[in-house]
Amino acid sequence: MSRFDAVAGLVRETLCLGEVEIRPEQLLFYHLEFTSLDLLELLFRIDESLGVHVPEGTIYRLAKGDTPDEAFADKGYLTPLGRERLMALLEDSPRTIFPEQIHVQSLPRFITVGALVRLVERLETR
């Protein structure tokens, strides 16, 4: 089973979707109507089923990389550089969904199923 198929299955289980098709370009919060609790449940399922722990703040840390804190975010919002870095990390998310000001706590809202699969694969190799 591919990593995508495994994660898509966990998405379906989390939302009780049965055999609904899950596609890589679907946004968790926009297309699949995830809530914050659904995301927590999905991350728990990924940890339990795939053995991959996704710590809180992973998207923030990956987008930030080695950028200094003050250059990446200011007063809880991404700077223009931070926004660009996030958009580059989440390259398959439609650019139109990224508002000018992005609060750091809202970063998971911009993740596609495909981006989540890449994240799981990245964390597996550590």
PDB file of N, CA and C in Angstrom:
ATOM      1  N   MET A   1       0.855  -1.182   0.000  1.00  0.00           N
ATOM      2  CA  MET A   1       0.000   0.000   0.000  1.00  0.00           C
ATOM      3  C   MET A   1       0.896   1.239   0.000  1.00  0.00           C
ATOM      4  N   SER A   2       0.586   2.188  -0.869  1.00  0.00           N
ATOM      5  CA  SER A   2       1.382   3.412  -0.922  1.00  0.00           C
ATOM      6  C   SER A   2       1.120   4.263   0.319  1.00  0.00           C
ATOM      7  N   ARG A   3       2.046   5.172   0.589  1.00  0.00           N
ATOM      8  CA  ARG A   3       1.883   6.074   1.736  1.00  0.00           C
ATOM      9  C   ARG A   3       0.631   6.939   1.514  1.00  0.00           C
ATOM     10  N   PHE A   4       0.384   7.375   0.260  1.00  0.00           N
ATOM     11  CA  PHE A   4      -0.823   8.161  -0.011  1.00  0.00           C
ATOM     12  C   PHE A   4      -2.078   7.361   0.323  1.00  0.00           C
ATOM     13  N   ASP A   5      -2.138   6.107  -0.115  1.00  0.00           N
ATOM     14  CA  ASP A   5      -3.313   5.281   0.151  1.00  0.00           C
ATOM     15  C   ASP A   5      -3.538   5.102   1.652  1.00  0.00           C
ATOM     16  N   ALA A   6      -2.444   4.953   2.397  1.00  0.00           N
ATOM     17  CA  ALA A   6      -2.558   4.784   3.849  1.00  0.00           C
ATOM     18  C   ALA A   6      -3.119   6.044   4.501  1.00  0.00           C
ATOM     19  N   VAL A   7      -2.563   7.204   4.131  1.00  0.00           N
ATOM     20  CA  VAL A   7      -3.033   8.464   4.720  1.00  0.00           C
ATOM     21  C   VAL A   7      -4.468   8.753   4.274  1.00  0.00           C
ATOM     22  N   ALA A   8      -4.782   8.514   2.997  1.00  0.00           N
ATOM     23  CA  ALA A   8      -6.147   8.733   2.503  1.00  0.00           C
ATOM     24  C   ALA A   8      -7.132   7.854   3.274  1.00  0.00           C
ATOM     25  N   GLY A   9      -6.753   6.624   3.560  1.00  0.00           N
ATOM     26  CA  GLY A   9      -7.610   5.737   4.346  1.00  0.00           C
ATOM     27  C   GLY A   9      -7.843   6.278   5.743  1.00  0.00           C
ATOM     28  N   LEU A  10      -6.797   6.846   6.349  1.00  0.00           N
ATOM     29  CA  LEU A  10      -6.942   7.420   7.690  1.00  0.00           C
ATOM     30  C   LEU A  10      -7.808   8.681   7.655  1.00  0.00           C
ATOM     31  N   VAL A  11      -7.722   9.452   6.581  1.00  0.00           N
ATOM     32  CA  VAL A  11      -8.594  10.622   6.420  1.00  0.00           C
ATOM     33  C   VAL A  11     -10.047  10.152   6.347  1.00  0.00           C
ATOM     34  N   ARG A  12     -10.308   9.132   5.536  1.00  0.00           N
ATOM     35  CA  ARG A  12     -11.678   8.604   5.420  1.00  0.00           C
ATOM     36  C   ARG A  12     -12.179   8.097   6.770  1.00  0.00           C
ATOM     37  N   GLU A  13     -11.328   7.369   7.500  1.00  0.00           N
ATOM     38  CA  GLU A  13     -11.728   6.859   8.821  1.00  0.00           C
ATOM     39  C   GLU A  13     -12.040   8.003   9.778  1.00  0.00           C
ATOM     40  N   THR A  14     -11.195   9.016   9.774  1.00  0.00           N
ATOM     41  CA  THR A  14     -11.369  10.142  10.697  1.00  0.00           C
ATOM     42  C   THR A  14     -12.700  10.837  10.472  1.00  0.00           C
ATOM     43  N   LEU A  15     -13.069  10.994   9.215  1.00  0.00           N
ATOM     44  CA  LEU A  15     -14.307  11.705   8.879  1.00  0.00           C
ATOM     45  C   LEU A  15     -15.493  10.778   8.613  1.00  0.00           C
ATOM     46  N   CYS A  16     -15.285   9.459   8.787  1.00  0.00           N
ATOM     47  CA  CYS A  16     -16.333   8.465   8.534  1.00  0.00           C
ATOM     48  C   CYS A  16     -16.906   8.629   7.121  1.00  0.00           C
ATOM     49  N   LEU A  17     -16.018   8.652   6.139  1.00  0.00           N
ATOM     50  CA  LEU A  17     -16.414   8.907   4.756  1.00  0.00           C
ATOM     51  C   LEU A  17     -16.671   7.667   3.929  1.00  0.00           C
ATOM     52  N   GLY A  18     -16.480   6.493   4.488  1.00  0.00           N
ATOM     53  CA  GLY A  18     -16.671   5.280   3.696  1.00  0.00           C
ATOM     54  C   GLY A  18     -15.663   5.206   2.573  1.00  0.00           C
ATOM     55  N   GLU A  19     -16.148   4.990   1.370  1.00  0.00           N
ATOM     56  CA  GLU A  19     -15.254   4.828   0.211  1.00  0.00           C
ATOM     57  C   GLU A  19     -15.140   6.080  -0.652  1.00  0.00           C
ATOM     58  N   VAL A  20     -15.412   7.235  -0.097  1.00  0.00           N
ATOM     59  CA  VAL A  20     -15.285   8.493  -0.831  1.00  0.00           C
ATOM     60  C   VAL A  20     -13.850   8.650  -1.324  1.00  0.00           C
ATOM     61  N   GLU A  21     -13.700   9.094  -2.573  1.00  0.00           N
ATOM     62  CA  GLU A  21     -12.360   9.288  -3.134  1.00  0.00           C
ATOM     63  C   GLU A  21     -11.669  10.466  -2.450  1.00  0.00           C
ATOM     64  N   ILE A  22     -10.428  10.245  -2.064  1.00  0.00           N
ATOM     65  CA  ILE A  22      -9.580  11.290  -1.488  1.00  0.00           C
ATOM     66  C   ILE A  22      -8.479  11.554  -2.512  1.00  0.00           C
ATOM     67  N   ARG A  23      -8.293  12.845  -2.850  1.00  0.00           N
ATOM     68  CA  ARG A  23      -7.289  13.218  -3.850  1.00  0.00           C
ATOM     69  C   ARG A  23      -6.202  14.070  -3.203  1.00  0.00           C
ATOM     70  N   PRO A  24      -4.980  13.996  -3.736  1.00  0.00           N
ATOM     71  CA  PRO A  24      -3.856  14.746  -3.151  1.00  0.00           C
ATOM     72  C   PRO A  24      -4.089  16.253  -3.071  1.00  0.00           C
ATOM     73  N   GLU A  25      -4.815  16.825  -4.020  1.00  0.00           N
ATOM     74  CA  GLU A  25      -4.975  18.277  -4.064  1.00  0.00           C
ATOM     75  C   GLU A  25      -6.072  18.803  -3.136  1.00  0.00           C
ATOM     76  N   GLN A  26      -6.784  17.910  -2.464  1.00  0.00           N
ATOM     77  CA  GLN A  26      -7.854  18.355  -1.568  1.00  0.00           C
ATOM     78  C   GLN A  26      -7.270  18.978  -0.305  1.00  0.00           C
ATOM     79  N   LEU A  27      -7.798  20.130   0.048  1.00  0.00           N
ATOM     80  CA  LEU A  27      -7.410  20.807   1.287  1.00  0.00           C
ATOM     81  C   LEU A  27      -8.195  20.185   2.440  1.00  0.00           C
ATOM     82  N   LEU A  28      -7.492  19.876   3.529  1.00  0.00           N
ATOM     83  CA  LEU A  28      -8.156  19.242   4.666  1.00  0.00           C
ATOM     84  C   LEU A  28      -9.310  20.094   5.189  1.00  0.00           C
ATOM     85  N   PHE A  29      -9.057  21.379   5.415  1.00  0.00           N
ATOM     86  CA  PHE A  29     -10.055  22.225   6.059  1.00  0.00           C
ATOM     87  C   PHE A  29     -11.076  22.796   5.079  1.00  0.00           C
ATOM     88  N   TYR A  30     -10.690  23.017   3.835  1.00  0.00           N
ATOM     89  CA  TYR A  30     -11.613  23.633   2.877  1.00  0.00           C
ATOM     90  C   TYR A  30     -12.449  22.594   2.147  1.00  0.00           C
ATOM     91  N   HIS A  31     -11.806  21.635   1.513  1.00  0.00           N
ATOM     92  CA  HIS A  31     -12.540  20.652   0.713  1.00  0.00           C
ATOM     93  C   HIS A  31     -13.153  19.536   1.562  1.00  0.00           C
ATOM     94  N   LEU A  32     -12.404  19.085   2.552  1.00  0.00           N
ATOM     95  CA  LEU A  32     -12.874  17.951   3.355  1.00  0.00           C
ATOM     96  C   LEU A  32     -13.561  18.394   4.646  1.00  0.00           C
ATOM     97  N   GLU A  33     -13.599  19.686   4.892  1.00  0.00           N
ATOM     98  CA  GLU A  33     -14.296  20.277   6.036  1.00  0.00           C
ATOM     99  C   GLU A  33     -13.804  19.764   7.388  1.00  0.00           C
ATOM    100  N   PHE A  34     -12.494  19.591   7.502  1.00  0.00           N
ATOM    101  CA  PHE A  34     -11.893  19.218   8.780  1.00  0.00           C
ATOM    102  C   PHE A  34     -12.145  20.312   9.806  1.00  0.00           C
ATOM    103  N   THR A  35     -12.206  19.897  11.062  1.00  0.00           N
ATOM    104  CA  THR A  35     -12.169  20.817  12.190  1.00  0.00           C
ATOM    105  C   THR A  35     -10.822  20.607  12.867  1.00  0.00           C
ATOM    106  N   SER A  36     -10.502  21.439  13.819  1.00  0.00           N
ATOM    107  CA  SER A  36      -9.253  21.273  14.565  1.00  0.00           C
ATOM    108  C   SER A  36      -9.226  19.922  15.281  1.00  0.00           C
ATOM    109  N   LEU A  37     -10.369  19.497  15.801  1.00  0.00           N
ATOM    110  CA  LEU A  37     -10.433  18.199  16.477  1.00  0.00           C
ATOM    111  C   LEU A  37     -10.231  17.050  15.490  1.00  0.00           C
ATOM    112  N   ASP A  38     -10.755  17.193  14.267  1.00  0.00           N
ATOM    113  CA  ASP A  38     -10.532  16.174  13.238  1.00  0.00           C
ATOM    114  C   ASP A  38      -9.043  16.048  12.941  1.00  0.00           C
ATOM    115  N   LEU A  39      -8.354  17.181  12.860  1.00  0.00           N
ATOM    116  CA  LEU A  39      -6.917  17.140  12.585  1.00  0.00           C
ATOM    117  C   LEU A  39      -6.171  16.428  13.710  1.00  0.00           C
ATOM    118  N   LEU A  40      -6.515  16.727  14.946  1.00  0.00           N
ATOM    119  CA  LEU A  40      -5.882  16.037  16.079  1.00  0.00           C
ATOM    120  C   LEU A  40      -6.134  14.534  16.012  1.00  0.00           C
ATOM    121  N   GLU A  41      -7.359  14.157  15.680  1.00  0.00           N
ATOM    122  CA  GLU A  41      -7.705  12.737  15.553  1.00  0.00           C
ATOM    123  C   GLU A  41      -6.908  12.099  14.423  1.00  0.00           C
ATOM    124  N   LEU A  42      -6.779  12.778  13.295  1.00  0.00           N
ATOM    125  CA  LEU A  42      -6.010  12.242  12.171  1.00  0.00           C
ATOM    126  C   LEU A  42      -4.545  12.070  12.548  1.00  0.00           C
ATOM    127  N   LEU A  43      -3.974  13.046  13.227  1.00  0.00           N
ATOM    128  CA  LEU A  43      -2.568  12.938  13.631  1.00  0.00           C
ATOM    129  C   LEU A  43      -2.368  11.795  14.614  1.00  0.00           C
ATOM    130  N   PHE A  44      -3.342  11.571  15.492  1.00  0.00           N
ATOM    131  CA  PHE A  44      -3.295  10.431  16.406  1.00  0.00           C
ATOM    132  C   PHE A  44      -3.332   9.129  15.614  1.00  0.00           C
ATOM    133  N   ARG A  45      -4.210   9.049  14.620  1.00  0.00           N
ATOM    134  CA  ARG A  45      -4.314   7.840  13.793  1.00  0.00           C
ATOM    135  C   ARG A  45      -3.020   7.594  13.011  1.00  0.00           C
ATOM    136  N   ILE A  46      -2.420   8.651  12.506  1.00  0.00           N
ATOM    137  CA  ILE A  46      -1.144   8.508  11.782  1.00  0.00           C
ATOM    138  C   ILE A  46      -0.081   7.963  12.719  1.00  0.00           C
ATOM    139  N   ASP A  47      -0.038   8.487  13.927  1.00  0.00           N
ATOM    140  CA  ASP A  47       0.936   8.016  14.920  1.00  0.00           C
ATOM    141  C   ASP A  47       0.692   6.544  15.252  1.00  0.00           C
ATOM    142  N   GLU A  48      -0.560   6.186  15.535  1.00  0.00           N
ATOM    143  CA  GLU A  48      -0.902   4.817  15.920  1.00  0.00           C
ATOM    144  C   GLU A  48      -0.756   3.823  14.762  1.00  0.00           C
ATOM    145  N   SER A  49      -1.217   4.189  13.588  1.00  0.00           N
ATOM    146  CA  SER A  49      -1.245   3.260  12.451  1.00  0.00           C
ATOM    147  C   SER A  49       0.061   3.189  11.685  1.00  0.00           C
ATOM    148  N   LEU A  50       0.717   4.334  11.525  1.00  0.00           N
ATOM    149  CA  LEU A  50       1.918   4.389  10.690  1.00  0.00           C
ATOM    150  C   LEU A  50       3.200   4.534  11.510  1.00  0.00           C
ATOM    151  N   GLY A  51       3.039   4.796  12.810  1.00  0.00           N
ATOM    152  CA  GLY A  51       4.218   4.959  13.660  1.00  0.00           C
ATOM    153  C   GLY A  51       4.973   6.247  13.405  1.00  0.00           C
ATOM    154  N   VAL A  52       4.277   7.256  12.880  1.00  0.00           N
ATOM    155  CA  VAL A  52       4.906   8.541  12.582  1.00  0.00           C
ATOM    156  C   VAL A  52       4.266   9.606  13.466  1.00  0.00           C
ATOM    157  N   HIS A  53       5.059  10.161  14.353  1.00  0.00           N
ATOM    158  CA  HIS A  53       4.562  11.207  15.247  1.00  0.00           C
ATOM    159  C   HIS A  53       4.778  12.563  14.578  1.00  0.00           C
ATOM    160  N   VAL A  54       3.699  13.332  14.456  1.00  0.00           N
ATOM    161  CA  VAL A  54       3.770  14.674  13.872  1.00  0.00           C
ATOM    162  C   VAL A  54       3.606  15.666  15.028  1.00  0.00           C
ATOM    163  N   PRO A  55       4.718  16.212  15.521  1.00  0.00           N
ATOM    164  CA  PRO A  55       4.624  17.125  16.666  1.00  0.00           C
ATOM    165  C   PRO A  55       3.907  18.429  16.316  1.00  0.00           C
ATOM    166  N   GLU A  56       3.289  19.028  17.319  1.00  0.00           N
ATOM    167  CA  GLU A  56       2.642  20.323  17.131  1.00  0.00           C
ATOM    168  C   GLU A  56       3.679  21.325  16.640  1.00  0.00           C
ATOM    169  N   GLY A  57       3.297  22.144  15.697  1.00  0.00           N
ATOM    170  CA  GLY A  57       4.199  23.167  15.178  1.00  0.00           C
ATOM    171  C   GLY A  57       5.110  22.701  14.058  1.00  0.00           C
ATOM    172  N   THR A  58       4.887  21.489  13.548  1.00  0.00           N
ATOM    173  CA  THR A  58       5.765  20.955  12.503  1.00  0.00           C
ATOM    174  C   THR A  58       5.734  21.816  11.243  1.00  0.00           C
ATOM    175  N   ILE A  59       4.556  22.232  10.801  1.00  0.00           N
ATOM    176  CA  ILE A  59       4.451  23.053   9.592  1.00  0.00           C
ATOM    177  C   ILE A  59       5.208  24.366   9.803  1.00  0.00           C
ATOM    178  N   TYR A  60       5.049  24.967  10.959  1.00  0.00           N
ATOM    179  CA  TYR A  60       5.751  26.208  11.279  1.00  0.00           C
ATOM    180  C   TYR A  60       7.256  25.995  11.181  1.00  0.00           C
ATOM    181  N   ARG A  61       7.754  24.939  11.825  1.00  0.00           N
ATOM    182  CA  ARG A  61       9.207  24.685  11.835  1.00  0.00           C
ATOM    183  C   ARG A  61       9.741  24.396  10.438  1.00  0.00           C
ATOM    184  N   LEU A  62       8.994  23.623   9.645  1.00  0.00           N
ATOM    185  CA  LEU A  62       9.455  23.311   8.288  1.00  0.00           C
ATOM    186  C   LEU A  62       9.464  24.556   7.400  1.00  0.00           C
ATOM    187  N   ALA A  63       8.423  25.365   7.504  1.00  0.00           N
ATOM    188  CA  ALA A  63       8.371  26.579   6.687  1.00  0.00           C
ATOM    189  C   ALA A  63       9.451  27.570   7.124  1.00  0.00           C
ATOM    190  N   LYS A  64       9.668  27.678   8.407  1.00  0.00           N
ATOM    191  CA  LYS A  64      10.657  28.619   8.945  1.00  0.00           C
ATOM    192  C   LYS A  64      12.075  28.215   8.565  1.00  0.00           C
ATOM    193  N   GLY A  65      12.348  26.919   8.646  1.00  0.00           N
ATOM    194  CA  GLY A  65      13.706  26.467   8.345  1.00  0.00           C
ATOM    195  C   GLY A  65      14.717  27.186   9.210  1.00  0.00           C
ATOM    196  N   ASP A  66      15.757  27.728   8.590  1.00  0.00           N
ATOM    197  CA  ASP A  66      16.799  28.425   9.356  1.00  0.00           C
ATOM    198  C   ASP A  66      16.610  29.941   9.363  1.00  0.00           C
ATOM    199  N   THR A  67      15.430  30.397   8.951  1.00  0.00           N
ATOM    200  CA  THR A  67      15.117  31.824   8.968  1.00  0.00           C
ATOM    201  C   THR A  67      15.040  32.296  10.419  1.00  0.00           C
ATOM    202  N   PRO A  68      15.655  33.407  10.755  1.00  0.00           N
ATOM    203  CA  PRO A  68      15.539  33.926  12.134  1.00  0.00           C
ATOM    204  C   PRO A  68      14.080  34.178  12.506  1.00  0.00           C
ATOM    205  N   ASP A  69      13.752  33.960  13.776  1.00  0.00           N
ATOM    206  CA  ASP A  69      12.377  34.115  14.257  1.00  0.00           C
ATOM    207  C   ASP A  69      11.752  35.434  13.823  1.00  0.00           C
ATOM    208  N   GLU A  70      12.456  36.549  14.051  1.00  0.00           N
ATOM    209  CA  GLU A  70      11.896  37.868  13.766  1.00  0.00           C
ATOM    210  C   GLU A  70      11.697  38.123  12.260  1.00  0.00           C
ATOM    211  N   ALA A  71      12.408  37.390  11.414  1.00  0.00           N
ATOM    212  CA  ALA A  71      12.231  37.534   9.967  1.00  0.00           C
ATOM    213  C   ALA A  71      11.073  36.672   9.468  1.00  0.00           C
ATOM    214  N   PHE A  72      10.705  35.641  10.244  1.00  0.00           N
ATOM    215  CA  PHE A  72       9.651  34.719   9.820  1.00  0.00           C
ATOM    216  C   PHE A  72       8.265  35.130  10.326  1.00  0.00           C
ATOM    217  N   ALA A  73       8.184  35.573  11.573  1.00  0.00           N
ATOM    218  CA  ALA A  73       6.893  35.943  12.160  1.00  0.00           C
ATOM    219  C   ALA A  73       7.080  37.101  13.121  1.00  0.00           C
ATOM    220  N   ASP A  74       6.019  37.914  13.223  1.00  0.00           N
ATOM    221  CA  ASP A  74       6.048  39.063  14.114  1.00  0.00           C
ATOM    222  C   ASP A  74       4.672  39.190  14.771  1.00  0.00           C
ATOM    223  N   LYS A  75       4.637  39.211  16.083  1.00  0.00           N
ATOM    224  CA  LYS A  75       3.397  39.364  16.853  1.00  0.00           C
ATOM    225  C   LYS A  75       2.340  38.342  16.462  1.00  0.00           C
ATOM    226  N   GLY A  76       2.771  37.110  16.185  1.00  0.00           N
ATOM    227  CA  GLY A  76       1.845  36.026  15.897  1.00  0.00           C
ATOM    228  C   GLY A  76       1.440  35.893  14.444  1.00  0.00           C
ATOM    229  N   TYR A  77       1.946  36.753  13.573  1.00  0.00           N
ATOM    230  CA  TYR A  77       1.611  36.707  12.145  1.00  0.00           C
ATOM    231  C   TYR A  77       2.875  36.512  11.317  1.00  0.00           C
ATOM    232  N   LEU A  78       2.737  35.765  10.233  1.00  0.00           N
ATOM    233  CA  LEU A  78       3.875  35.583   9.348  1.00  0.00           C
ATOM    234  C   LEU A  78       4.243  36.911   8.698  1.00  0.00           C
ATOM    235  N   THR A  79       5.523  37.135   8.546  1.00  0.00           N
ATOM    236  CA  THR A  79       6.004  38.286   7.792  1.00  0.00           C
ATOM    237  C   THR A  79       5.818  37.970   6.305  1.00  0.00           C
ATOM    238  N   PRO A  80       6.020  38.930   5.427  1.00  0.00           N
ATOM    239  CA  PRO A  80       5.956  38.610   3.994  1.00  0.00           C
ATOM    240  C   PRO A  80       6.912  37.466   3.613  1.00  0.00           C
ATOM    241  N   LEU A  81       8.108  37.437   4.199  1.00  0.00           N
ATOM    242  CA  LEU A  81       9.038  36.335   3.937  1.00  0.00           C
ATOM    243  C   LEU A  81       8.465  35.027   4.483  1.00  0.00           C
ATOM    244  N   GLY A  82       7.902  35.071   5.675  1.00  0.00           N
ATOM    245  CA  GLY A  82       7.299  33.877   6.261  1.00  0.00           C
ATOM    246  C   GLY A  82       6.163  33.344   5.410  1.00  0.00           C
ATOM    247  N   ARG A  83       5.344  34.240   4.899  1.00  0.00           N
ATOM    248  CA  ARG A  83       4.229  33.857   4.020  1.00  0.00           C
ATOM    249  C   ARG A  83       4.757  33.175   2.767  1.00  0.00           C
ATOM    250  N   GLU A  84       5.787  33.751   2.156  1.00  0.00           N
ATOM    251  CA  GLU A  84       6.375  33.153   0.953  1.00  0.00           C
ATOM    252  C   GLU A  84       6.964  31.776   1.238  1.00  0.00           C
ATOM    253  N   ARG A  85       7.616  31.631   2.376  1.00  0.00           N
ATOM    254  CA  ARG A  85       8.206  30.333   2.739  1.00  0.00           C
ATOM    255  C   ARG A  85       7.113  29.290   2.967  1.00  0.00           C
ATOM    256  N   LEU A  86       6.015  29.694   3.602  1.00  0.00           N
ATOM    257  CA  LEU A  86       4.902  28.774   3.808  1.00  0.00           C
ATOM    258  C   LEU A  86       4.310  28.356   2.463  1.00  0.00           C
ATOM    259  N   MET A  87       4.109  29.315   1.592  1.00  0.00           N
ATOM    260  CA  MET A  87       3.532  29.024   0.288  1.00  0.00           C
ATOM    261  C   MET A  87       4.451  28.113  -0.532  1.00  0.00           C
ATOM    262  N   ALA A  88       5.754  28.272  -0.380  1.00  0.00           N
ATOM    263  CA  ALA A  88       6.695  27.396  -1.092  1.00  0.00           C
ATOM    264  C   ALA A  88       6.627  25.979  -0.533  1.00  0.00           C
ATOM    265  N   LEU A  89       6.520  25.852   0.793  1.00  0.00           N
ATOM    266  CA  LEU A  89       6.417  24.535   1.417  1.00  0.00           C
ATOM    267  C   LEU A  89       5.130  23.836   0.983  1.00  0.00           C
ATOM    268  N   LEU A  90       4.047  24.587   0.930  1.00  0.00           N
ATOM    269  CA  LEU A  90       2.737  24.038   0.578  1.00  0.00           C
ATOM    270  C   LEU A  90       2.412  24.375  -0.879  1.00  0.00           C
ATOM    271  N   GLU A  91       3.332  24.022  -1.752  1.00  0.00           N
ATOM    272  CA  GLU A  91       3.264  24.404  -3.169  1.00  0.00           C
ATOM    273  C   GLU A  91       2.013  23.939  -3.894  1.00  0.00           C
ATOM    274  N   ASP A  92       1.382  22.857  -3.420  1.00  0.00           N
ATOM    275  CA  ASP A  92       0.197  22.370  -4.113  1.00  0.00           C
ATOM    276  C   ASP A  92      -1.099  22.978  -3.579  1.00  0.00           C
ATOM    277  N   SER A  93      -1.003  23.821  -2.580  1.00  0.00           N
ATOM    278  CA  SER A  93      -2.178  24.538  -2.102  1.00  0.00           C
ATOM    279  C   SER A  93      -2.403  25.746  -3.007  1.00  0.00           C
ATOM    280  N   PRO A  94      -3.653  26.006  -3.397  1.00  0.00           N
ATOM    281  CA  PRO A  94      -3.911  27.144  -4.281  1.00  0.00           C
ATOM    282  C   PRO A  94      -3.439  28.457  -3.644  1.00  0.00           C
ATOM    283  N   ARG A  95      -2.692  29.226  -4.376  1.00  0.00           N
ATOM    284  CA  ARG A  95      -2.152  30.490  -3.856  1.00  0.00           C
ATOM    285  C   ARG A  95      -3.268  31.437  -3.412  1.00  0.00           C
ATOM    286  N   THR A  96      -4.438  31.308  -4.005  1.00  0.00           N
ATOM    287  CA  THR A  96      -5.536  32.209  -3.694  1.00  0.00           C
ATOM    288  C   THR A  96      -6.104  32.016  -2.286  1.00  0.00           C
ATOM    289  N   ILE A  97      -5.793  30.896  -1.637  1.00  0.00           N
ATOM    290  CA  ILE A  97      -6.343  30.680  -0.285  1.00  0.00           C
ATOM    291  C   ILE A  97      -5.490  31.335   0.794  1.00  0.00           C
ATOM    292  N   PHE A  98      -4.295  31.806   0.445  1.00  0.00           N
ATOM    293  CA  PHE A  98      -3.399  32.402   1.430  1.00  0.00           C
ATOM    294  C   PHE A  98      -3.716  33.891   1.575  1.00  0.00           C
ATOM    295  N   PRO A  99      -4.264  34.299   2.724  1.00  0.00           N
ATOM    296  CA  PRO A  99      -4.531  35.726   2.917  1.00  0.00           C
ATOM    297  C   PRO A  99      -3.210  36.489   3.078  1.00  0.00           C
ATOM    298  N   GLU A 100      -3.282  37.790   2.982  1.00  0.00           N
ATOM    299  CA  GLU A 100      -2.078  38.616   3.153  1.00  0.00           C
ATOM    300  C   GLU A 100      -1.488  38.418   4.549  1.00  0.00           C
ATOM    301  N   GLN A 101      -2.334  38.407   5.561  1.00  0.00           N
ATOM    302  CA  GLN A 101      -1.860  38.179   6.926  1.00  0.00           C
ATOM    303  C   GLN A 101      -2.272  36.777   7.357  1.00  0.00           C
ATOM    304  N   ILE A 102      -1.285  35.999   7.756  1.00  0.00           N
ATOM    305  CA  ILE A 102      -1.531  34.617   8.177  1.00  0.00           C
ATOM    306  C   ILE A 102      -1.090  34.464   9.626  1.00  0.00           C
ATOM    307  N   HIS A 103      -2.026  34.136  10.490  1.00  0.00           N
ATOM    308  CA  HIS A 103      -1.694  33.894  11.895  1.00  0.00           C
ATOM    309  C   HIS A 103      -0.997  32.545  12.004  1.00  0.00           C
ATOM    310  N   VAL A 104       0.017  32.474  12.837  1.00  0.00           N
ATOM    311  CA  VAL A 104       0.808  31.246  12.927  1.00  0.00           C
ATOM    312  C   VAL A 104      -0.016  30.049  13.390  1.00  0.00           C
ATOM    313  N   GLN A 105      -1.080  30.273  14.137  1.00  0.00           N
ATOM    314  CA  GLN A 105      -1.900  29.159  14.595  1.00  0.00           C
ATOM    315  C   GLN A 105      -2.810  28.610  13.495  1.00  0.00           C
ATOM    316  N   SER A 106      -2.929  29.327  12.382  1.00  0.00           N
ATOM    317  CA  SER A 106      -3.816  28.878  11.313  1.00  0.00           C
ATOM    318  C   SER A 106      -3.087  28.094  10.220  1.00  0.00           C
ATOM    319  N   LEU A 107      -1.801  27.835  10.360  1.00  0.00           N
ATOM    320  CA  LEU A 107      -1.024  27.190   9.302  1.00  0.00           C
ATOM    321  C   LEU A 107      -1.602  25.848   8.840  1.00  0.00           C
ATOM    322  N   PRO A 108      -2.094  24.986   9.729  1.00  0.00           N
ATOM    323  CA  PRO A 108      -2.648  23.712   9.247  1.00  0.00           C
ATOM    324  C   PRO A 108      -3.822  23.870   8.285  1.00  0.00           C
ATOM    325  N   ARG A 109      -4.487  24.993   8.297  1.00  0.00           N
ATOM    326  CA  ARG A 109      -5.650  25.201   7.426  1.00  0.00           C
ATOM    327  C   ARG A 109      -5.284  25.243   5.944  1.00  0.00           C
ATOM    328  N   PHE A 110      -4.010  25.340   5.635  1.00  0.00           N
ATOM    329  CA  PHE A 110      -3.583  25.468   4.249  1.00  0.00           C
ATOM    330  C   PHE A 110      -2.991  24.172   3.691  1.00  0.00           C
ATOM    331  N   ILE A 111      -3.128  23.080   4.427  1.00  0.00           N
ATOM    332  CA  ILE A 111      -2.506  21.806   4.049  1.00  0.00           C
ATOM    333  C   ILE A 111      -3.436  20.975   3.173  1.00  0.00           C
ATOM    334  N   THR A 112      -2.854  20.448   2.098  1.00  0.00           N
ATOM    335  CA  THR A 112      -3.568  19.488   1.248  1.00  0.00           C
ATOM    336  C   THR A 112      -3.265  18.075   1.746  1.00  0.00           C
ATOM    337  N   VAL A 113      -4.028  17.124   1.268  1.00  0.00           N
ATOM    338  CA  VAL A 113      -3.761  15.720   1.600  1.00  0.00           C
ATOM    339  C   VAL A 113      -2.360  15.353   1.089  1.00  0.00           C
ATOM    340  N   GLY A 114      -2.009  15.797  -0.113  1.00  0.00           N
ATOM    341  CA  GLY A 114      -0.689  15.509  -0.672  1.00  0.00           C
ATOM    342  C   GLY A 114       0.425  16.077   0.179  1.00  0.00           C
ATOM    343  N   ALA A 115       0.250  17.289   0.698  1.00  0.00           N
ATOM    344  CA  ALA A 115       1.266  17.897   1.567  1.00  0.00           C
ATOM    345  C   ALA A 115       1.399  17.100   2.866  1.00  0.00           C
ATOM    346  N   LEU A 116       0.289  16.612   3.387  1.00  0.00           N
ATOM    347  CA  LEU A 116       0.337  15.799   4.597  1.00  0.00           C
ATOM    348  C   LEU A 116       1.103  14.506   4.343  1.00  0.00           C
ATOM    349  N   VAL A 117       0.887  13.903   3.191  1.00  0.00           N
ATOM    350  CA  VAL A 117       1.612  12.680   2.838  1.00  0.00           C
ATOM    351  C   VAL A 117       3.109  12.965   2.764  1.00  0.00           C
ATOM    352  N   ARG A 118       3.500  14.080   2.123  1.00  0.00           N
ATOM    353  CA  ARG A 118       4.928  14.440   2.053  1.00  0.00           C
ATOM    354  C   ARG A 118       5.503  14.663   3.442  1.00  0.00           C
ATOM    355  N   LEU A 119       4.727  15.275   4.317  1.00  0.00           N
ATOM    356  CA  LEU A 119       5.163  15.508   5.689  1.00  0.00           C
ATOM    357  C   LEU A 119       5.399  14.182   6.405  1.00  0.00           C
ATOM    358  N   VAL A 120       4.473  13.251   6.270  1.00  0.00           N
ATOM    359  CA  VAL A 120       4.622  11.925   6.887  1.00  0.00           C
ATOM    360  C   VAL A 120       5.872  11.234   6.344  1.00  0.00           C
ATOM    361  N   GLU A 121       6.060  11.295   5.035  1.00  0.00           N
ATOM    362  CA  GLU A 121       7.242  10.656   4.428  1.00  0.00           C
ATOM    363  C   GLU A 121       8.527  11.293   4.938  1.00  0.00           C
ATOM    364  N   ARG A 122       8.534  12.590   5.088  1.00  0.00           N
ATOM    365  CA  ARG A 122       9.720  13.305   5.602  1.00  0.00           C
ATOM    366  C   ARG A 122      10.027  12.892   7.035  1.00  0.00           C
ATOM    367  N   LEU A 123       8.979  12.782   7.856  1.00  0.00           N
ATOM    368  CA  LEU A 123       9.186  12.418   9.257  1.00  0.00           C
ATOM    369  C   LEU A 123       9.565  10.947   9.412  1.00  0.00           C
ATOM    370  N   GLU A 124       9.150  10.105   8.475  1.00  0.00           N
ATOM    371  CA  GLU A 124       9.504   8.678   8.528  1.00  0.00           C
ATOM    372  C   GLU A 124      11.003   8.471   8.349  1.00  0.00           C
ATOM    373  N   THR A 125      11.624   9.322   7.553  1.00  0.00           N
ATOM    374  CA  THR A 125      13.032   9.141   7.238  1.00  0.00           C
ATOM    375  C   THR A 125      13.963   9.649   8.322  1.00  0.00           C
ATOM    376  N   ARG A 126      13.419  10.264   9.343  1.00  0.00           N
ATOM    377  CA  ARG A 126      14.263  10.787  10.446  1.00  0.00           C
ATOM    378  C   ARG A 126      14.620   9.696  11.410  1.00  0.00           C
TER     379      ARG A 126
END
